């Protein structure tokens, strides 16, 4: 998987037929397994998560780290698909 060095933005619009833009952690995790990058609205658009080299990875504080999921992550319902800036 290529290294993502660009900042990200939240997915700008959701089509009405798709429903809500936010999702549960478990729905977001399914998106990661499909190759998507996810973030939480509460993270303020600076940290994000993805699969990198076969590991669930979080980009935070300017670097990639193995993501140790906690109960706050699992209980969150403000997950969204992140979109890379060009």
PDB file of N, CA and C in Angstrom:
ATOM      1  N   UNK A   1       0.853  -1.171   0.000  1.00  0.00           N
ATOM      2  CA  UNK A   1       0.000   0.000   0.000  1.00  0.00           C
ATOM      3  C   UNK A   1       0.897   1.232   0.000  1.00  0.00           C
ATOM      4  N   UNK A   2       0.598   2.204  -0.879  1.00  0.00           N
ATOM      5  CA  UNK A   2       1.443   3.400  -0.934  1.00  0.00           C
ATOM      6  C   UNK A   2       1.285   4.252   0.319  1.00  0.00           C
ATOM      7  N   UNK A   3       2.335   4.939   0.662  1.00  0.00           N
ATOM      8  CA  UNK A   3       2.333   5.834   1.811  1.00  0.00           C
ATOM      9  C   UNK A   3       1.491   7.049   1.497  1.00  0.00           C
ATOM     10  N   UNK A   4       0.566   7.396   2.371  1.00  0.00           N
ATOM     11  CA  UNK A   4      -0.274   8.571   2.178  1.00  0.00           C
ATOM     12  C   UNK A   4       0.369   9.717   2.925  1.00  0.00           C
ATOM     13  N   UNK A   5       0.850  10.702   2.191  1.00  0.00           N
ATOM     14  CA  UNK A   5       1.522  11.828   2.814  1.00  0.00           C
ATOM     15  C   UNK A   5       0.683  13.099   2.768  1.00  0.00           C
ATOM     16  N   UNK A   6      -0.371  13.095   1.963  1.00  0.00           N
ATOM     17  CA  UNK A   6      -1.192  14.292   1.814  1.00  0.00           C
ATOM     18  C   UNK A   6      -2.191  14.416   2.954  1.00  0.00           C
ATOM     19  N   UNK A   7      -2.557  15.645   3.303  1.00  0.00           N
ATOM     20  CA  UNK A   7      -3.628  15.816   4.290  1.00  0.00           C
ATOM     21  C   UNK A   7      -4.939  15.256   3.744  1.00  0.00           C
ATOM     22  N   UNK A   8      -5.893  15.065   4.607  1.00  0.00           N
ATOM     23  CA  UNK A   8      -7.176  14.515   4.189  1.00  0.00           C
ATOM     24  C   UNK A   8      -8.300  15.482   4.503  1.00  0.00           C
ATOM     25  N   UNK A   9      -9.419  15.278   3.866  1.00  0.00           N
ATOM     26  CA  UNK A   9     -10.637  16.016   4.184  1.00  0.00           C
ATOM     27  C   UNK A   9     -11.768  15.013   4.313  1.00  0.00           C
ATOM     28  N   UNK A  10     -12.793  15.401   5.006  1.00  0.00           N
ATOM     29  CA  UNK A  10     -13.953  14.538   5.128  1.00  0.00           C
ATOM     30  C   UNK A  10     -14.656  14.464   3.789  1.00  0.00           C
ATOM     31  N   UNK A  11     -15.282  13.331   3.517  1.00  0.00           N
ATOM     32  CA  UNK A  11     -16.059  13.182   2.306  1.00  0.00           C
ATOM     33  C   UNK A  11     -17.060  14.331   2.249  1.00  0.00           C
ATOM     34  N   UNK A  12     -17.054  15.136   1.180  1.00  0.00           N
ATOM     35  CA  UNK A  12     -17.827  16.375   1.183  1.00  0.00           C
ATOM     36  C   UNK A  12     -19.341  16.222   1.212  1.00  0.00           C
ATOM     37  N   UNK A  13     -19.907  15.326   0.413  1.00  0.00           N
ATOM     38  CA  UNK A  13     -21.359  15.197   0.360  1.00  0.00           C
ATOM     39  C   UNK A  13     -21.721  13.728   0.266  1.00  0.00           C
ATOM     40  N   UNK A  14     -22.869  13.422   0.805  1.00  0.00           N
ATOM     41  CA  UNK A  14     -23.384  12.074   0.702  1.00  0.00           C
ATOM     42  C   UNK A  14     -24.679  12.140  -0.090  1.00  0.00           C
ATOM     43  N   UNK A  15     -24.867  11.229  -1.017  1.00  0.00           N
ATOM     44  CA  UNK A  15     -26.098  11.208  -1.797  1.00  0.00           C
ATOM     45  C   UNK A  15     -27.245  10.777  -0.892  1.00  0.00           C
ATOM     46  N   UNK A  16     -28.409  11.331  -1.139  1.00  0.00           N
ATOM     47  CA  UNK A  16     -29.575  11.030  -0.304  1.00  0.00           C
ATOM     48  C   UNK A  16     -29.875   9.536  -0.264  1.00  0.00           C
ATOM     49  N   UNK A  17     -29.633   8.831  -1.356  1.00  0.00           N
ATOM     50  CA  UNK A  17     -29.927   7.406  -1.389  1.00  0.00           C
ATOM     51  C   UNK A  17     -28.972   6.603  -0.506  1.00  0.00           C
ATOM     52  N   UNK A  18     -27.860   7.181  -0.103  1.00  0.00           N
ATOM     53  CA  UNK A  18     -26.861   6.488   0.704  1.00  0.00           C
ATOM     54  C   UNK A  18     -27.141   6.567   2.206  1.00  0.00           C
ATOM     55  N   UNK A  19     -27.968   7.497   2.655  1.00  0.00           N
ATOM     56  CA  UNK A  19     -28.235   7.626   4.078  1.00  0.00           C
ATOM     57  C   UNK A  19     -27.241   8.551   4.750  1.00  0.00           C
ATOM     58  N   UNK A  20     -26.989   8.299   6.013  1.00  0.00           N
ATOM     59  CA  UNK A  20     -26.144   9.161   6.834  1.00  0.00           C
ATOM     60  C   UNK A  20     -24.683   9.094   6.404  1.00  0.00           C
ATOM     61  N   UNK A  21     -23.965  10.208   6.586  1.00  0.00           N
ATOM     62  CA  UNK A  21     -22.543  10.255   6.267  1.00  0.00           C
ATOM     63  C   UNK A  21     -21.715   9.582   7.354  1.00  0.00           C
ATOM     64  N   UNK A  22     -22.194   9.544   8.589  1.00  0.00           N
ATOM     65  CA  UNK A  22     -21.443   8.926   9.680  1.00  0.00           C
ATOM     66  C   UNK A  22     -21.830   7.455   9.817  1.00  0.00           C
ATOM     67  N   UNK A  23     -20.941   6.700  10.456  1.00  0.00           N
ATOM     68  CA  UNK A  23     -21.201   5.272  10.631  1.00  0.00           C
ATOM     69  C   UNK A  23     -20.607   4.797  11.944  1.00  0.00           C
ATOM     70  N   UNK A  24     -20.980   3.601  12.311  1.00  0.00           N
ATOM     71  CA  UNK A  24     -20.429   2.985  13.523  1.00  0.00           C
ATOM     72  C   UNK A  24     -18.992   2.532  13.258  1.00  0.00           C
ATOM     73  N   UNK A  25     -18.294   2.209  14.320  1.00  0.00           N
ATOM     74  CA  UNK A  25     -16.931   1.705  14.197  1.00  0.00           C
ATOM     75  C   UNK A  25     -16.890   0.439  13.344  1.00  0.00           C
ATOM     76  N   UNK A  26     -17.845  -0.450  13.556  1.00  0.00           N
ATOM     77  CA  UNK A  26     -17.843  -1.725  12.849  1.00  0.00           C
ATOM     78  C   UNK A  26     -18.097  -1.537  11.356  1.00  0.00           C
ATOM     79  N   UNK A  27     -18.972  -0.591  11.000  1.00  0.00           N
ATOM     80  CA  UNK A  27     -19.172  -0.274   9.586  1.00  0.00           C
ATOM     81  C   UNK A  27     -17.914   0.362   9.000  1.00  0.00           C
ATOM     82  N   UNK A  28     -17.278   1.227   9.778  1.00  0.00           N
ATOM     83  CA  UNK A  28     -16.041   1.871   9.331  1.00  0.00           C
ATOM     84  C   UNK A  28     -14.932   0.844   9.138  1.00  0.00           C
ATOM     85  N   UNK A  29     -14.860  -0.123  10.019  1.00  0.00           N
ATOM     86  CA  UNK A  29     -13.843  -1.170   9.912  1.00  0.00           C
ATOM     87  C   UNK A  29     -14.032  -1.992   8.636  1.00  0.00           C
ATOM     88  N   UNK A  30     -15.284  -2.221   8.263  1.00  0.00           N
ATOM     89  CA  UNK A  30     -15.556  -2.906   6.990  1.00  0.00           C
ATOM     90  C   UNK A  30     -15.018  -2.087   5.819  1.00  0.00           C
ATOM     91  N   UNK A  31     -15.155  -0.771   5.908  1.00  0.00           N
ATOM     92  CA  UNK A  31     -14.638   0.111   4.848  1.00  0.00           C
ATOM     93  C   UNK A  31     -13.111   0.018   4.765  1.00  0.00           C
ATOM     94  N   UNK A  32     -12.450  -0.049   5.910  1.00  0.00           N
ATOM     95  CA  UNK A  32     -10.995  -0.197   5.927  1.00  0.00           C
ATOM     96  C   UNK A  32     -10.594  -1.503   5.244  1.00  0.00           C
ATOM     97  N   UNK A  33     -11.334  -2.574   5.509  1.00  0.00           N
ATOM     98  CA  UNK A  33     -11.012  -3.862   4.891  1.00  0.00           C
ATOM     99  C   UNK A  33     -11.230  -3.823   3.377  1.00  0.00           C
ATOM    100  N   UNK A  34     -12.003  -2.837   2.893  1.00  0.00           N
ATOM    101  CA  UNK A  34     -12.222  -2.644   1.459  1.00  0.00           C
ATOM    102  C   UNK A  34     -11.218  -1.658   0.855  1.00  0.00           C
ATOM    103  N   UNK A  35     -10.257  -1.217   1.656  1.00  0.00           N
ATOM    104  CA  UNK A  35      -9.215  -0.326   1.151  1.00  0.00           C
ATOM    105  C   UNK A  35      -9.465   1.151   1.381  1.00  0.00           C
ATOM    106  N   UNK A  36     -10.509   1.504   2.098  1.00  0.00           N
ATOM    107  CA  UNK A  36     -10.814   2.908   2.373  1.00  0.00           C
ATOM    108  C   UNK A  36     -10.008   3.413   3.562  1.00  0.00           C
ATOM    109  N   UNK A  37      -9.894   4.715   3.654  1.00  0.00           N
ATOM    110  CA  UNK A  37      -9.281   5.387   4.791  1.00  0.00           C
ATOM    111  C   UNK A  37     -10.401   6.014   5.601  1.00  0.00           C
ATOM    112  N   UNK A  38     -10.362   5.864   6.922  1.00  0.00           N
ATOM    113  CA  UNK A  38     -11.438   6.364   7.776  1.00  0.00           C
ATOM    114  C   UNK A  38     -10.898   7.344   8.816  1.00  0.00           C
ATOM    115  N   UNK A  39     -11.793   8.150   9.334  1.00  0.00           N
ATOM    116  CA  UNK A  39     -11.467   9.084  10.405  1.00  0.00           C
ATOM    117  C   UNK A  39     -12.724   9.320  11.234  1.00  0.00           C
ATOM    118  N   UNK A  40     -12.567  10.023  12.333  1.00  0.00           N
ATOM    119  CA  UNK A  40     -13.720  10.406  13.149  1.00  0.00           C
ATOM    120  C   UNK A  40     -13.887  11.914  13.090  1.00  0.00           C
ATOM    121  N   UNK A  41     -15.101  12.358  13.056  1.00  0.00           N
ATOM    122  CA  UNK A  41     -15.379  13.795  13.061  1.00  0.00           C
ATOM    123  C   UNK A  41     -14.786  14.419  14.323  1.00  0.00           C
ATOM    124  N   UNK A  42     -14.877  13.718  15.443  1.00  0.00           N
ATOM    125  CA  UNK A  42     -14.365  14.252  16.710  1.00  0.00           C
ATOM    126  C   UNK A  42     -12.843  14.397  16.723  1.00  0.00           C
ATOM    127  N   UNK A  43     -12.130  13.797  15.764  1.00  0.00           N
ATOM    128  CA  UNK A  43     -10.686  13.931  15.695  1.00  0.00           C
ATOM    129  C   UNK A  43     -10.249  15.244  15.058  1.00  0.00           C
ATOM    130  N   UNK A  44     -11.189  16.000  14.522  1.00  0.00           N
ATOM    131  CA  UNK A  44     -10.864  17.310  13.972  1.00  0.00           C
ATOM    132  C   UNK A  44     -10.119  17.287  12.651  1.00  0.00           C
ATOM    133  N   UNK A  45     -10.313  16.225  11.852  1.00  0.00           N
ATOM    134  CA  UNK A  45      -9.796  16.189  10.489  1.00  0.00           C
ATOM    135  C   UNK A  45      -8.267  16.189  10.404  1.00  0.00           C
ATOM    136  N   UNK A  46      -7.584  15.566  11.377  1.00  0.00           N
ATOM    137  CA  UNK A  46      -6.121  15.516  11.299  1.00  0.00           C
ATOM    138  C   UNK A  46      -5.576  14.097  11.412  1.00  0.00           C
ATOM    139  N   UNK A  47      -6.269  13.193  12.047  1.00  0.00           N
ATOM    140  CA  UNK A  47      -5.833  11.812  12.190  1.00  0.00           C
ATOM    141  C   UNK A  47      -6.722  10.922  11.330  1.00  0.00           C
ATOM    142  N   UNK A  48      -6.172   9.803  10.861  1.00  0.00           N
ATOM    143  CA  UNK A  48      -6.961   8.877  10.055  1.00  0.00           C
ATOM    144  C   UNK A  48      -6.400   7.469  10.188  1.00  0.00           C
ATOM    145  N   UNK A  49      -7.196   6.500   9.745  1.00  0.00           N
ATOM    146  CA  UNK A  49      -6.838   5.091   9.885  1.00  0.00           C
ATOM    147  C   UNK A  49      -6.966   4.386   8.541  1.00  0.00           C
ATOM    148  N   UNK A  50      -6.129   3.387   8.342  1.00  0.00           N
ATOM    149  CA  UNK A  50      -6.124   2.615   7.106  1.00  0.00           C
ATOM    150  C   UNK A  50      -5.380   1.314   7.328  1.00  0.00           C
ATOM    151  N   UNK A  51      -5.431   0.425   6.339  1.00  0.00           N
ATOM    152  CA  UNK A  51      -4.603  -0.774   6.344  1.00  0.00           C
ATOM    153  C   UNK A  51      -3.302  -0.414   5.653  1.00  0.00           C
ATOM    154  N   UNK A  52      -2.182  -0.683   6.306  1.00  0.00           N
ATOM    155  CA  UNK A  52      -0.871  -0.377   5.747  1.00  0.00           C
ATOM    156  C   UNK A  52       0.039  -1.555   6.037  1.00  0.00           C
ATOM    157  N   UNK A  53       0.555  -2.161   4.983  1.00  0.00           N
ATOM    158  CA  UNK A  53       1.436  -3.325   5.127  1.00  0.00           C
ATOM    159  C   UNK A  53       0.775  -4.439   5.935  1.00  0.00           C
ATOM    160  N   UNK A  54      -0.535  -4.607   5.750  1.00  0.00           N
ATOM    161  CA  UNK A  54      -1.264  -5.677   6.422  1.00  0.00           C
ATOM    162  C   UNK A  54      -1.646  -5.401   7.862  1.00  0.00           C
ATOM    163  N   UNK A  55      -1.394  -4.179   8.342  1.00  0.00           N
ATOM    164  CA  UNK A  55      -1.705  -3.818   9.730  1.00  0.00           C
ATOM    165  C   UNK A  55      -2.725  -2.695   9.773  1.00  0.00           C
ATOM    166  N   UNK A  56      -3.598  -2.754  10.753  1.00  0.00           N
ATOM    167  CA  UNK A  56      -4.503  -1.651  11.017  1.00  0.00           C
ATOM    168  C   UNK A  56      -3.652  -0.517  11.569  1.00  0.00           C
ATOM    169  N   UNK A  57      -3.632   0.610  10.875  1.00  0.00           N
ATOM    170  CA  UNK A  57      -2.681   1.678  11.149  1.00  0.00           C
ATOM    171  C   UNK A  57      -3.395   3.001  11.341  1.00  0.00           C
ATOM    172  N   UNK A  58      -2.889   3.819  12.257  1.00  0.00           N
ATOM    173  CA  UNK A  58      -3.417   5.165  12.469  1.00  0.00           C
ATOM    174  C   UNK A  58      -2.314   6.168  12.145  1.00  0.00           C
ATOM    175  N   UNK A  59      -2.704   7.237  11.455  1.00  0.00           N
ATOM    176  CA  UNK A  59      -1.785   8.348  11.216  1.00  0.00           C
ATOM    177  C   UNK A  59      -2.139   9.431  12.226  1.00  0.00           C
ATOM    178  N   UNK A  60      -1.225   9.700  13.137  1.00  0.00           N
ATOM    179  CA  UNK A  60      -1.443  10.714  14.168  1.00  0.00           C
ATOM    180  C   UNK A  60      -0.099  11.308  14.566  1.00  0.00           C
ATOM    181  N   UNK A  61      -0.105  12.531  14.974  1.00  0.00           N
ATOM    182  CA  UNK A  61       1.106  13.232  15.413  1.00  0.00           C
ATOM    183  C   UNK A  61       2.219  13.174  14.369  1.00  0.00           C
ATOM    184  N   UNK A  62       1.820  13.218  13.084  1.00  0.00           N
ATOM    185  CA  UNK A  62       2.783  13.294  11.999  1.00  0.00           C
ATOM    186  C   UNK A  62       3.441  12.000  11.579  1.00  0.00           C
ATOM    187  N   UNK A  63       2.930  10.836  12.054  1.00  0.00           N
ATOM    188  CA  UNK A  63       3.557   9.572  11.688  1.00  0.00           C
ATOM    189  C   UNK A  63       2.541   8.432  11.772  1.00  0.00           C
ATOM    190  N   UNK A  64       2.861   7.306  11.165  1.00  0.00           N
ATOM    191  CA  UNK A  64       2.022   6.120  11.207  1.00  0.00           C
ATOM    192  C   UNK A  64       2.387   5.263  12.412  1.00  0.00           C
ATOM    193  N   UNK A  65       1.352   4.682  13.051  1.00  0.00           N
ATOM    194  CA  UNK A  65       1.534   3.830  14.219  1.00  0.00           C
ATOM    195  C   UNK A  65       0.570   2.650  14.123  1.00  0.00           C
ATOM    196  N   UNK A  66       0.930   1.518  14.724  1.00  0.00           N
ATOM    197  CA  UNK A  66      -0.039   0.431  14.860  1.00  0.00           C
ATOM    198  C   UNK A  66      -1.186   0.962  15.700  1.00  0.00           C
ATOM    199  N   UNK A  67      -2.387   0.694  15.258  1.00  0.00           N
ATOM    200  CA  UNK A  67      -3.555   1.240  15.935  1.00  0.00           C
ATOM    201  C   UNK A  67      -4.045   0.257  16.983  1.00  0.00           C
ATOM    202  N   UNK A  68      -4.013   0.661  18.224  1.00  0.00           N
ATOM    203  CA  UNK A  68      -4.579  -0.120  19.313  1.00  0.00           C
ATOM    204  C   UNK A  68      -5.966   0.465  19.575  1.00  0.00           C
ATOM    205  N   UNK A  69      -6.975  -0.259  19.139  1.00  0.00           N
ATOM    206  CA  UNK A  69      -8.357   0.196  19.237  1.00  0.00           C
ATOM    207  C   UNK A  69      -8.791   0.176  20.694  1.00  0.00           C
ATOM    208  N   UNK A  70      -9.491   1.231  21.119  1.00  0.00           N
ATOM    209  CA  UNK A  70      -9.994   1.269  22.492  1.00  0.00           C
ATOM    210  C   UNK A  70     -11.517   1.330  22.503  1.00  0.00           C
ATOM    211  N   UNK A  71     -12.101   1.293  23.690  1.00  0.00           N
ATOM    212  CA  UNK A  71     -13.564   1.278  23.790  1.00  0.00           C
ATOM    213  C   UNK A  71     -14.183   2.554  23.238  1.00  0.00           C
ATOM    214  N   UNK A  72     -13.514   3.691  23.353  1.00  0.00           N
ATOM    215  CA  UNK A  72     -14.031   4.933  22.776  1.00  0.00           C
ATOM    216  C   UNK A  72     -14.139   4.850  21.266  1.00  0.00           C
ATOM    217  N   UNK A  73     -13.147   4.221  20.639  1.00  0.00           N
ATOM    218  CA  UNK A  73     -13.199   4.017  19.185  1.00  0.00           C
ATOM    219  C   UNK A  73     -14.381   3.132  18.814  1.00  0.00           C
ATOM    220  N   UNK A  74     -14.532   2.033  19.539  1.00  0.00           N
ATOM    221  CA  UNK A  74     -15.579   1.063  19.215  1.00  0.00           C
ATOM    222  C   UNK A  74     -16.981   1.602  19.474  1.00  0.00           C
ATOM    223  N   UNK A  75     -17.119   2.487  20.442  1.00  0.00           N
ATOM    224  CA  UNK A  75     -18.433   3.036  20.767  1.00  0.00           C
ATOM    225  C   UNK A  75     -18.791   4.251  19.916  1.00  0.00           C
ATOM    226  N   UNK A  76     -17.820   4.812  19.215  1.00  0.00           N
ATOM    227  CA  UNK A  76     -18.053   6.011  18.413  1.00  0.00           C
ATOM    228  C   UNK A  76     -18.963   5.760  17.230  1.00  0.00           C
ATOM    229  N   UNK A  77     -19.839   6.693  16.967  1.00  0.00           N
ATOM    230  CA  UNK A  77     -20.737   6.636  15.812  1.00  0.00           C
ATOM    231  C   UNK A  77     -20.506   7.814  14.880  1.00  0.00           C
ATOM    232  N   UNK A  78     -19.321   8.427  14.965  1.00  0.00           N
ATOM    233  CA  UNK A  78     -19.025   9.582  14.116  1.00  0.00           C
ATOM    234  C   UNK A  78     -17.915   9.267  13.108  1.00  0.00           C
ATOM    235  N   UNK A  79     -17.813   8.011  12.715  1.00  0.00           N
ATOM    236  CA  UNK A  79     -16.821   7.593  11.725  1.00  0.00           C
ATOM    237  C   UNK A  79     -17.258   8.003  10.329  1.00  0.00           C
ATOM    238  N   UNK A  80     -16.318   8.433   9.522  1.00  0.00           N
ATOM    239  CA  UNK A  80     -16.577   8.803   8.129  1.00  0.00           C
ATOM    240  C   UNK A  80     -15.415   8.311   7.268  1.00  0.00           C
ATOM    241  N   UNK A  81     -15.668   8.206   5.986  1.00  0.00           N
ATOM    242  CA  UNK A  81     -14.600   7.888   5.038  1.00  0.00           C
ATOM    243  C   UNK A  81     -13.828   9.170   4.779  1.00  0.00           C
ATOM    244  N   UNK A  82     -12.512   9.083   4.879  1.00  0.00           N
ATOM    245  CA  UNK A  82     -11.647  10.240   4.639  1.00  0.00           C
ATOM    246  C   UNK A  82     -11.291  10.270   3.157  1.00  0.00           C
ATOM    247  N   UNK A  83     -11.050  11.447   2.644  1.00  0.00           N
ATOM    248  CA  UNK A  83     -10.689  11.618   1.245  1.00  0.00           C
ATOM    249  C   UNK A  83      -9.370  12.356   1.171  1.00  0.00           C
ATOM    250  N   UNK A  84      -8.440  11.808   0.422  1.00  0.00           N
ATOM    251  CA  UNK A  84      -7.124  12.404   0.260  1.00  0.00           C
ATOM    252  C   UNK A  84      -7.208  13.645  -0.616  1.00  0.00           C
ATOM    253  N   UNK A  85      -6.496  14.701  -0.224  1.00  0.00           N
ATOM    254  CA  UNK A  85      -6.384  15.892  -1.057  1.00  0.00           C
ATOM    255  C   UNK A  85      -5.408  15.644  -2.195  1.00  0.00           C
ATOM    256  N   UNK A  86      -5.671  16.221  -3.337  1.00  0.00           N
ATOM    257  CA  UNK A  86      -4.755  16.082  -4.479  1.00  0.00           C
ATOM    258  C   UNK A  86      -3.801  17.218  -4.540  1.00  0.00           C
TER     259      UNK A  86
END
